C-alpha atoms as a PDB file:
ATOM      1  CA  MET A   1       0.132  17.763  -5.196  1.00  0.00           C
ATOM      2  CA  ASP A   2      -0.373  19.715  -8.395  1.00  0.00           C
ATOM      3  CA  SER A   3       1.875  18.879 -11.271  1.00  0.00           C
ATOM      4  CA  GLN A   4       2.360  21.070 -14.315  1.00  0.00           C
ATOM      5  CA  HIS A   5       3.410  19.715 -17.691  1.00  0.00           C
ATOM      6  CA  THR A   6       5.913  21.686 -19.704  1.00  0.00           C
ATOM      7  CA  GLY A   7       5.177  22.530 -23.293  1.00  0.00           C
ATOM      8  CA  ASN A   8       1.917  21.715 -25.056  1.00  0.00           C
ATOM      9  CA  GLY A   9       1.725  18.286 -23.516  1.00  0.00           C
ATOM     10  CA  THR A  10       3.978  15.879 -21.695  1.00  0.00           C
ATOM     11  CA  THR A  11       7.642  16.455 -22.417  1.00  0.00           C
ATOM     12  CA  SER A  12       9.878  13.420 -22.658  1.00  0.00           C
ATOM     13  CA  THR A  13      13.490  13.469 -21.581  1.00  0.00           C
ATOM     14  CA  GLY A  14      14.313  10.963 -24.296  1.00  0.00           C
ATOM     15  CA  LYS A  15      12.357   8.931 -26.800  1.00  0.00           C
ATOM     16  CA  ALA A  16      14.335   5.830 -25.968  1.00  0.00           C
ATOM     17  CA  SER A  17      13.343   5.870 -22.319  1.00  0.00           C
ATOM     18  CA  GLY A  18       9.638   6.223 -23.067  1.00  0.00           C
ATOM     19  CA  VAL A  19       9.087   7.868 -19.646  1.00  0.00           C
ATOM     20  CA  ASN A  20       7.372  11.249 -19.388  1.00  0.00           C
ATOM     21  CA  SER A  21       9.020  13.673 -16.986  1.00  0.00           C
ATOM     22  CA  TYR A  22       7.250  16.518 -15.240  1.00  0.00           C
ATOM     23  CA  THR A  23       8.279  19.127 -12.761  1.00  0.00           C
ATOM     24  CA  SER A  24       6.556  19.789  -9.464  1.00  0.00           C
ATOM     25  CA  GLY A  25       5.126  23.218  -8.737  1.00  0.00           C
ATOM     26  CA  VAL A  26       7.242  23.465  -5.570  1.00  0.00           C
ATOM     27  CA  PRO A  27      10.842  22.170  -5.597  1.00  0.00           C
ATOM     28  CA  GLY A  28      11.299  19.341  -3.126  1.00  0.00           C
ATOM     29  CA  ASP A  29       7.593  18.623  -2.771  1.00  0.00           C
ATOM     30  CA  ILE A  30       6.732  14.942  -2.873  1.00  0.00           C
ATOM     31  CA  GLU A  31       3.435  13.125  -2.974  1.00  0.00           C
ATOM     32  CA  GLU A  32       2.494  11.169   0.149  1.00  0.00           C
ATOM     33  CA  PRO A  33      -0.555   9.092   1.167  1.00  0.00           C
ATOM     34  CA  ILE A  34      -3.377  10.990   2.852  1.00  0.00           C
ATOM     35  CA  MET A  35      -2.971   8.937   6.046  1.00  0.00           C
ATOM     36  CA  ALA A  36       0.648  10.042   6.318  1.00  0.00           C
ATOM     37  CA  HIS A  37      -0.485  13.679   6.224  1.00  0.00           C
ATOM     38  CA  LEU A  38      -3.147  13.019   8.858  1.00  0.00           C
ATOM     39  CA  PHE A  39      -0.653  11.321  11.178  1.00  0.00           C
ATOM     40  CA  GLU A  40       1.782  14.199  10.773  1.00  0.00           C
ATOM     41  CA  LEU A  41      -0.970  16.744  11.489  1.00  0.00           C
ATOM     42  CA  ARG A  42      -1.979  14.781  14.588  1.00  0.00           C
ATOM     43  CA  ASN A  43       1.595  14.741  15.863  1.00  0.00           C
ATOM     44  CA  ARG A  44       2.068  18.456  15.300  1.00  0.00           C
ATOM     45  CA  LEU A  45      -1.198  19.309  17.055  1.00  0.00           C
ATOM     46  CA  ALA A  46      -0.058  17.096  19.921  1.00  0.00           C
ATOM     47  CA  ILE A  47       3.061  19.265  20.215  1.00  0.00           C
ATOM     48  CA  VAL A  48       0.856  22.349  20.528  1.00  0.00           C
ATOM     49  CA  LEU A  49      -1.166  20.665  23.285  1.00  0.00           C
ATOM     50  CA  ILE A  50       2.062  19.755  25.094  1.00  0.00           C
ATOM     51  CA  TRP A  51       3.136  23.403  24.973  1.00  0.00           C
ATOM     52  CA  LEU A  52      -0.275  24.387  26.333  1.00  0.00           C
ATOM     53  CA  PHE A  53       0.030  21.866  29.165  1.00  0.00           C
ATOM     54  CA  LEU A  54       3.600  22.940  30.014  1.00  0.00           C
ATOM     55  CA  GLY A  55       2.539  26.595  30.020  1.00  0.00           C
ATOM     56  CA  ILE A  56      -0.163  25.833  32.589  1.00  0.00           C
ATOM     57  CA  ILE A  57       2.300  23.874  34.748  1.00  0.00           C
ATOM     58  CA  LEU A  58       4.926  26.641  34.639  1.00  0.00           C
ATOM     59  CA  ALA A  59       2.414  29.364  35.482  1.00  0.00           C
ATOM     60  CA  PHE A  60       0.543  27.504  38.226  1.00  0.00           C
ATOM     61  CA  PRO A  61       3.067  28.165  41.076  1.00  0.00           C
ATOM     62  CA  PHE A  62       2.741  31.913  40.399  1.00  0.00           C
ATOM     63  CA  SER A  63      -1.018  31.907  39.792  1.00  0.00           C
ATOM     64  CA  ALA A  64      -1.966  32.601  43.426  1.00  0.00           C
ATOM     65  CA  LYS A  65       0.078  35.815  43.493  1.00  0.00           C
ATOM     66  CA  GLY A  66      -1.286  36.647  40.066  1.00  0.00           C
ATOM     67  CA  MET A  67      -4.860  36.279  41.298  1.00  0.00           C
ATOM     68  CA  LEU A  68      -4.165  38.520  44.284  1.00  0.00           C
ATOM     69  CA  LEU A  69      -2.637  41.093  41.947  1.00  0.00           C
ATOM     70  CA  VAL A  70      -5.624  40.967  39.607  1.00  0.00           C
ATOM     71  CA  TRP A  71      -8.065  41.185  42.532  1.00  0.00           C
ATOM     72  CA  LYS A  72      -6.227  44.182  43.952  1.00  0.00           C
ATOM     73  CA  GLU A  73      -6.125  45.838  40.522  1.00  0.00           C
ATOM     74  CA  PHE A  74      -9.777  45.472  39.543  1.00  0.00           C
ATOM     75  CA  ILE A  75     -11.681  44.571  42.714  1.00  0.00           C
ATOM     76  CA  SER A  76     -11.885  46.603  45.880  1.00  0.00           C
ATOM     77  CA  THR A  77      -9.505  45.385  48.565  1.00  0.00           C
ATOM     78  CA  ASP A  78     -12.385  45.696  51.046  1.00  0.00           C
ATOM     79  CA  LEU A  79     -14.108  42.740  49.341  1.00  0.00           C
ATOM     80  CA  TYR A  80     -12.954  39.253  50.186  1.00  0.00           C
ATOM     81  CA  MET A  81     -12.636  36.407  47.715  1.00  0.00           C
ATOM     82  CA  THR A  82     -15.511  33.973  48.120  1.00  0.00           C
ATOM     83  CA  ALA A  83     -15.235  30.296  47.210  1.00  0.00           C
ATOM     84  CA  TYR A  84     -18.485  28.358  46.956  1.00  0.00           C
ATOM     85  CA  SER A  85     -16.916  24.926  46.396  1.00  0.00           C
ATOM     86  CA  PRO A  86     -13.741  23.153  47.569  1.00  0.00           C
ATOM     87  CA  LEU A  87     -12.132  23.186  44.117  1.00  0.00           C
ATOM     88  CA  GLU A  88     -13.200  26.687  43.100  1.00  0.00           C
ATOM     89  CA  TRP A  89      -9.903  28.276  44.106  1.00  0.00           C
ATOM     90  CA  THR A  90      -7.902  25.706  42.124  1.00  0.00           C
ATOM     91  CA  PHE A  91     -10.067  26.029  39.006  1.00  0.00           C
ATOM     92  CA  ALA A  92      -9.770  29.815  39.167  1.00  0.00           C
ATOM     93  CA  ARG A  93      -5.972  29.551  39.265  1.00  0.00           C
ATOM     94  CA  LEU A  94      -5.991  27.161  36.305  1.00  0.00           C
ATOM     95  CA  LYS A  95      -8.057  29.585  34.251  1.00  0.00           C
ATOM     96  CA  LEU A  96      -5.563  32.339  34.941  1.00  0.00           C
ATOM     97  CA  CYS A  97      -2.724  30.006  33.923  1.00  0.00           C
ATOM     98  CA  LEU A  98      -4.532  29.360  30.656  1.00  0.00           C
ATOM     99  CA  VAL A  99      -3.904  32.963  29.560  1.00  0.00           C
ATOM    100  CA  PHE A 100      -0.138  32.498  29.846  1.00  0.00           C
ATOM    101  CA  ALA A 101      -0.302  29.064  28.215  1.00  0.00           C
ATOM    102  CA  LEU A 102      -2.204  30.382  25.208  1.00  0.00           C
ATOM    103  CA  ALA A 103       0.268  33.249  24.812  1.00  0.00           C
ATOM    104  CA  ILE A 104       3.082  30.773  24.185  1.00  0.00           C
ATOM    105  CA  SER A 105       0.971  28.159  22.382  1.00  0.00           C
ATOM    106  CA  ILE A 106      -0.611  30.274  19.633  1.00  0.00           C
ATOM    107  CA  PRO A 107       2.766  31.119  18.004  1.00  0.00           C
ATOM    108  CA  GLN A 108       3.671  27.438  18.349  1.00  0.00           C
ATOM    109  CA  LEU A 109       0.448  26.572  16.519  1.00  0.00           C
ATOM    110  CA  PHE A 110       1.415  28.813  13.594  1.00  0.00           C
ATOM    111  CA  TYR A 111       4.911  27.317  13.576  1.00  0.00           C
ATOM    112  CA  GLN A 112       3.607  23.740  13.483  1.00  0.00           C
ATOM    113  CA  LEU A 113       1.219  24.667  10.674  1.00  0.00           C
ATOM    114  CA  TYR A 114       4.205  26.095   8.829  1.00  0.00           C
ATOM    115  CA  ARG A 115       6.180  22.855   9.330  1.00  0.00           C
ATOM    116  CA  PHE A 116       3.171  20.837   8.187  1.00  0.00           C
ATOM    117  CA  ALA A 117       2.576  22.815   5.007  1.00  0.00           C
ATOM    118  CA  GLY A 118       6.157  23.995   4.458  1.00  0.00           C
ATOM    119  CA  LYS A 119       7.045  21.361   1.874  1.00  0.00           C
ATOM    120  CA  GLY A 120       4.263  22.547  -0.398  1.00  0.00           C
ATOM    121  CA  LEU A 121       5.005  26.260  -0.062  1.00  0.00           C
ATOM    122  CA  TYR A 122       7.003  28.475  -2.369  1.00  0.00           C
ATOM    123  CA  PRO A 123       9.956  30.384  -0.871  1.00  0.00           C
ATOM    124  CA  HIS A 124       8.003  33.660  -0.594  1.00  0.00           C
ATOM    125  CA  GLU A 125       5.160  31.813   1.168  1.00  0.00           C
ATOM    126  CA  ARG A 126       7.623  30.322   3.645  1.00  0.00           C
ATOM    127  CA  ARG A 127       9.011  33.762   4.396  1.00  0.00           C
ATOM    128  CA  PHE A 128       5.466  34.977   5.003  1.00  0.00           C
ATOM    129  CA  PHE A 129       4.828  32.186   7.510  1.00  0.00           C
ATOM    130  CA  LEU A 130       8.057  32.987   9.363  1.00  0.00           C
ATOM    131  CA  LYS A 131       6.881  36.595   9.692  1.00  0.00           C
ATOM    132  CA  VAL A 132       3.497  35.455  11.017  1.00  0.00           C
ATOM    133  CA  ILE A 133       4.907  33.558  14.029  1.00  0.00           C
ATOM    134  CA  PRO A 134       6.427  36.524  15.951  1.00  0.00           C
ATOM    135  CA  ALA A 135       3.601  38.792  14.762  1.00  0.00           C
ATOM    136  CA  SER A 136       1.076  36.370  16.260  1.00  0.00           C
ATOM    137  CA  PHE A 137       2.768  36.508  19.661  1.00  0.00           C
ATOM    138  CA  LEU A 138       2.970  40.316  19.636  1.00  0.00           C
ATOM    139  CA  LEU A 139      -0.662  40.687  18.579  1.00  0.00           C
ATOM    140  CA  PHE A 140      -1.784  38.331  21.342  1.00  0.00           C
ATOM    141  CA  LEU A 141       0.121  40.384  23.923  1.00  0.00           C
ATOM    142  CA  PHE A 142      -1.278  43.609  22.505  1.00  0.00           C
ATOM    143  CA  GLY A 143      -4.819  42.226  22.609  1.00  0.00           C
ATOM    144  CA  THR A 144      -4.515  41.104  26.223  1.00  0.00           C
ATOM    145  CA  ALA A 145      -3.040  44.510  27.126  1.00  0.00           C
ATOM    146  CA  ILE A 146      -6.085  46.246  25.618  1.00  0.00           C
ATOM    147  CA  GLY A 147      -8.367  43.983  27.623  1.00  0.00           C
ATOM    148  CA  TYR A 148      -6.353  44.463  30.817  1.00  0.00           C
ATOM    149  CA  PHE A 149      -5.861  48.228  30.744  1.00  0.00           C
ATOM    150  CA  ILE A 150      -9.060  49.389  29.006  1.00  0.00           C
ATOM    151  CA  VAL A 151     -11.954  46.912  29.062  1.00  0.00           C
ATOM    152  CA  LEU A 152     -11.553  45.345  32.513  1.00  0.00           C
ATOM    153  CA  PRO A 153     -11.281  48.689  34.374  1.00  0.00           C
ATOM    154  CA  VAL A 154     -14.453  49.839  32.622  1.00  0.00           C
ATOM    155  CA  MET A 155     -16.277  46.675  33.680  1.00  0.00           C
ATOM    156  CA  PHE A 156     -15.175  46.434  37.292  1.00  0.00           C
ATOM    157  CA  LYS A 157     -14.154  49.858  38.544  1.00  0.00           C
ATOM    158  CA  TYR A 158     -16.657  52.130  36.844  1.00  0.00           C
ATOM    159  CA  ILE A 159     -19.717  49.952  36.238  1.00  0.00           C
ATOM    160  CA  LEU A 160     -20.216  46.842  38.333  1.00  0.00           C
ATOM    161  CA  PHE A 161     -19.457  48.442  41.691  1.00  0.00           C
ATOM    162  CA  TYR A 162     -21.794  51.382  41.279  1.00  0.00           C
ATOM    163  CA  SER A 163     -24.393  49.157  42.937  1.00  0.00           C
ATOM    164  CA  GLY A 164     -22.400  49.074  46.177  1.00  0.00           C
ATOM    165  CA  ASP A 165     -24.696  51.558  47.903  1.00  0.00           C
ATOM    166  CA  MET A 166     -27.747  49.373  47.278  1.00  0.00           C
ATOM    167  CA  ALA A 167     -26.391  45.836  47.644  1.00  0.00           C
ATOM    168  CA  THR A 168     -23.409  44.200  49.264  1.00  0.00           C
ATOM    169  CA  ALA A 169     -21.125  42.659  46.648  1.00  0.00           C
ATOM    170  CA  GLN A 170     -20.065  39.089  47.394  1.00  0.00           C
ATOM    171  CA  LEU A 171     -18.133  37.917  44.370  1.00  0.00           C
ATOM    172  CA  SER A 172     -17.300  34.322  43.537  1.00  0.00           C
ATOM    173  CA  VAL A 173     -13.569  34.010  42.912  1.00  0.00           C
ATOM    174  CA  GLN A 174     -14.078  31.526  40.088  1.00  0.00           C
ATOM    175  CA  ASN A 175     -16.785  33.519  38.301  1.00  0.00           C
ATOM    176  CA  THR A 176     -14.802  36.739  38.664  1.00  0.00           C
ATOM    177  CA  LEU A 177     -11.570  35.208  37.375  1.00  0.00           C
ATOM    178  CA  SER A 178     -13.544  33.460  34.639  1.00  0.00           C
ATOM    179  CA  ALA A 179     -14.829  36.811  33.384  1.00  0.00           C
ATOM    180  CA  ILE A 180     -11.314  38.270  33.501  1.00  0.00           C
ATOM    181  CA  THR A 181      -9.653  35.380  31.674  1.00  0.00           C
ATOM    182  CA  THR A 182     -12.446  35.263  29.089  1.00  0.00           C
ATOM    183  CA  ILE A 183     -11.814  38.885  28.185  1.00  0.00           C
ATOM    184  CA  LEU A 184      -8.015  38.567  28.200  1.00  0.00           C
ATOM    185  CA  VAL A 185      -7.966  35.403  26.095  1.00  0.00           C
ATOM    186  CA  GLY A 186     -10.767  36.677  23.880  1.00  0.00           C
ATOM    187  CA  PHE A 187      -8.934  39.888  23.069  1.00  0.00           C
ATOM    188  CA  GLY A 188      -5.694  38.006  22.477  1.00  0.00           C
ATOM    189  CA  ILE A 189      -7.428  35.717  19.985  1.00  0.00           C
ATOM    190  CA  VAL A 190      -9.412  38.531  18.375  1.00  0.00           C
ATOM    191  CA  PHE A 191      -6.185  40.398  17.643  1.00  0.00           C
ATOM    192  CA  GLN A 192      -5.127  37.487  15.439  1.00  0.00           C
ATOM    193  CA  LEU A 193      -7.715  38.736  12.919  1.00  0.00           C
ATOM    194  CA  PRO A 194      -5.218  40.642  10.716  1.00  0.00           C
ATOM    195  CA  LEU A 195      -3.068  37.534  10.348  1.00  0.00           C
ATOM    196  CA  LEU A 196      -6.071  35.356   9.543  1.00  0.00           C
ATOM    197  CA  VAL A 197      -7.302  37.780   6.883  1.00  0.00           C
ATOM    198  CA  VAL A 198      -3.863  38.057   5.279  1.00  0.00           C
ATOM    199  CA  PHE A 199      -3.480  34.272   5.411  1.00  0.00           C
ATOM    200  CA  ALA A 200      -6.898  33.702   3.803  1.00  0.00           C
ATOM    201  CA  VAL A 201      -6.130  36.142   0.987  1.00  0.00           C
ATOM    202  CA  LYS A 202      -2.630  34.760   0.392  1.00  0.00           C
ATOM    203  CA  MET A 203      -3.919  31.184   0.250  1.00  0.00           C
ATOM    204  CA  GLY A 204      -6.682  32.166  -2.166  1.00  0.00           C
ATOM    205  CA  LEU A 205      -9.480  31.275   0.270  1.00  0.00           C
ATOM    206  CA  VAL A 206     -11.072  34.697  -0.125  1.00  0.00           C
ATOM    207  CA  ASP A 207     -10.629  37.540  -2.571  1.00  0.00           C
ATOM    208  CA  TYR A 208      -9.386  40.941  -1.436  1.00  0.00           C
ATOM    209  CA  GLN A 209     -11.947  42.826  -3.522  1.00  0.00           C
ATOM    210  CA  THR A 210     -14.723  40.650  -2.096  1.00  0.00           C
ATOM    211  CA  LEU A 211     -13.753  41.670   1.439  1.00  0.00           C
ATOM    212  CA  LYS A 212     -13.868  45.326   0.482  1.00  0.00           C
ATOM    213  CA  LYS A 213     -17.280  45.018  -1.164  1.00  0.00           C
ATOM    214  CA  GLN A 214     -18.831  42.935   1.624  1.00  0.00           C
ATOM    215  CA  ARG A 215     -18.014  45.285   4.490  1.00  0.00           C
ATOM    216  CA  ILE A 216     -21.627  45.337   5.687  1.00  0.00           C
ATOM    217  CA  LEU A 217     -21.682  41.559   6.132  1.00  0.00           C
ATOM    218  CA  VAL A 218     -18.301  41.630   7.867  1.00  0.00           C
ATOM    219  CA  TYR A 219     -19.402  44.315  10.315  1.00  0.00           C
ATOM    220  CA  SER A 220     -22.621  42.394  11.016  1.00  0.00           C
ATOM    221  CA  ALA A 221     -20.550  39.343  11.883  1.00  0.00           C
ATOM    222  CA  ILE A 222     -18.321  41.522  14.073  1.00  0.00           C
ATOM    223  CA  MET A 223     -21.327  42.741  16.055  1.00  0.00           C
ATOM    224  CA  ALA A 224     -22.547  39.168  16.515  1.00  0.00           C
ATOM    225  CA  ILE A 225     -19.124  37.975  17.703  1.00  0.00           C
ATOM    226  CA  SER A 226     -18.716  40.864  20.134  1.00  0.00           C
ATOM    227  CA  LEU A 227     -22.010  39.992  21.841  1.00  0.00           C
ATOM    228  CA  PHE A 228     -20.689  36.550  22.800  1.00  0.00           C
ATOM    229  CA  LEU A 229     -17.085  37.549  23.498  1.00  0.00           C
ATOM    230  CA  SER A 230     -17.504  39.800  26.536  1.00  0.00           C
ATOM    231  CA  PRO A 231     -19.611  38.785  29.573  1.00  0.00           C
ATOM    232  CA  ASP A 232     -20.598  42.392  30.365  1.00  0.00           C
ATOM    233  CA  PRO A 233     -24.321  42.905  31.072  1.00  0.00           C
ATOM    234  CA  THR A 234     -23.964  46.650  30.443  1.00  0.00           C
ATOM    235  CA  PHE A 235     -22.856  46.017  26.812  1.00  0.00           C
ATOM    236  CA  ILE A 236     -20.077  48.586  27.132  1.00  0.00           C
ATOM    237  CA  ALA A 237     -17.394  45.918  26.771  1.00  0.00           C
ATOM    238  CA  GLN A 238     -19.213  44.540  23.726  1.00  0.00           C
ATOM    239  CA  ILE A 239     -19.206  47.971  22.108  1.00  0.00           C
ATOM    240  CA  VAL A 240     -15.476  48.335  22.762  1.00  0.00           C
ATOM    241  CA  VAL A 241     -14.884  44.877  21.258  1.00  0.00           C
ATOM    242  CA  ALA A 242     -16.954  45.720  18.171  1.00  0.00           C
ATOM    243  CA  LEU A 243     -15.053  48.974  17.614  1.00  0.00           C
ATOM    244  CA  LEU A 244     -11.706  47.225  17.988  1.00  0.00           C
ATOM    245  CA  LEU A 245     -12.743  44.460  15.607  1.00  0.00           C
ATOM    246  CA  GLY A 246     -13.791  47.056  13.050  1.00  0.00           C
ATOM    247  CA  VAL A 247     -10.430  48.801  13.342  1.00  0.00           C
ATOM    248  CA  LEU A 248      -8.613  45.465  13.099  1.00  0.00           C
ATOM    249  CA  PHE A 249     -10.542  44.521   9.974  1.00  0.00           C
ATOM    250  CA  GLU A 250      -9.636  47.766   8.232  1.00  0.00           C
ATOM    251  CA  PHE A 251      -6.052  47.303   9.391  1.00  0.00           C
ATOM    252  CA  SER A 252      -6.136  43.782   7.919  1.00  0.00           C
ATOM    253  CA  LEU A 253      -7.101  45.150   4.523  1.00  0.00           C
ATOM    254  CA  LEU A 254      -4.190  47.570   4.723  1.00  0.00           C
ATOM    255  CA  VAL A 255      -1.778  44.791   5.676  1.00  0.00           C
ATOM    256  CA  VAL A 256      -2.958  42.691   2.727  1.00  0.00           C
ATOM    257  CA  ARG A 257      -2.008  45.511   0.372  1.00  0.00           C
ATOM    258  CA  LEU A 258       1.411  45.868   1.996  1.00  0.00           C
ATOM    259  CA  PHE A 259       2.101  42.136   1.655  1.00  0.00           C
END
């Protein structure tokens, strides 16, 4: 905890007391041992994991219908789901449940981080954190919507099944659902980029002018990330991801100016 002395040095409340008084940078902030902070952080991360676990449990009873809906939406109804192991169907359902669980857990993560660091934040920083929580949820939903309505149709309907005249498609249900959930979760997480950039600038971790001047390095990193984010051998999904990341980065710079 940073402490600032008033005046040219330490200011005493009274010469008789002989005790120097100082004011904390943030009202109400108190100094605690490092282990106390670590225990609190562990407990708050445990809450996030509990939310993640509960989200999977709540979504699991509906995951079978969800898988059938996804298969009907992106895969031809003439193709049957193929399971190559006894637990493949269950693992595929769990992966689909993970998308719902992350949607409700990411805002909870921001909220727990706010509770953890709230005592050391100024009032305007607390207000910023409270704005981030609903924005995080909306951005995750928007990212998954982009992946669901734009990227996945490109991958499955217009690319992968063009080989149907030359080879019979026999798709593994787990591998297919794994590709779908990877894209949905990946886009949901990627759309947190504006919040992360604003947070980094507000916390002084990176300078706004540095981000503007280092655009080439940022775009190089975006291209590298997009290559690992989308499991599309045609690289069309990767190109879409890279373009979206570029737009999100420029949008992040705009948001930083507005905040």
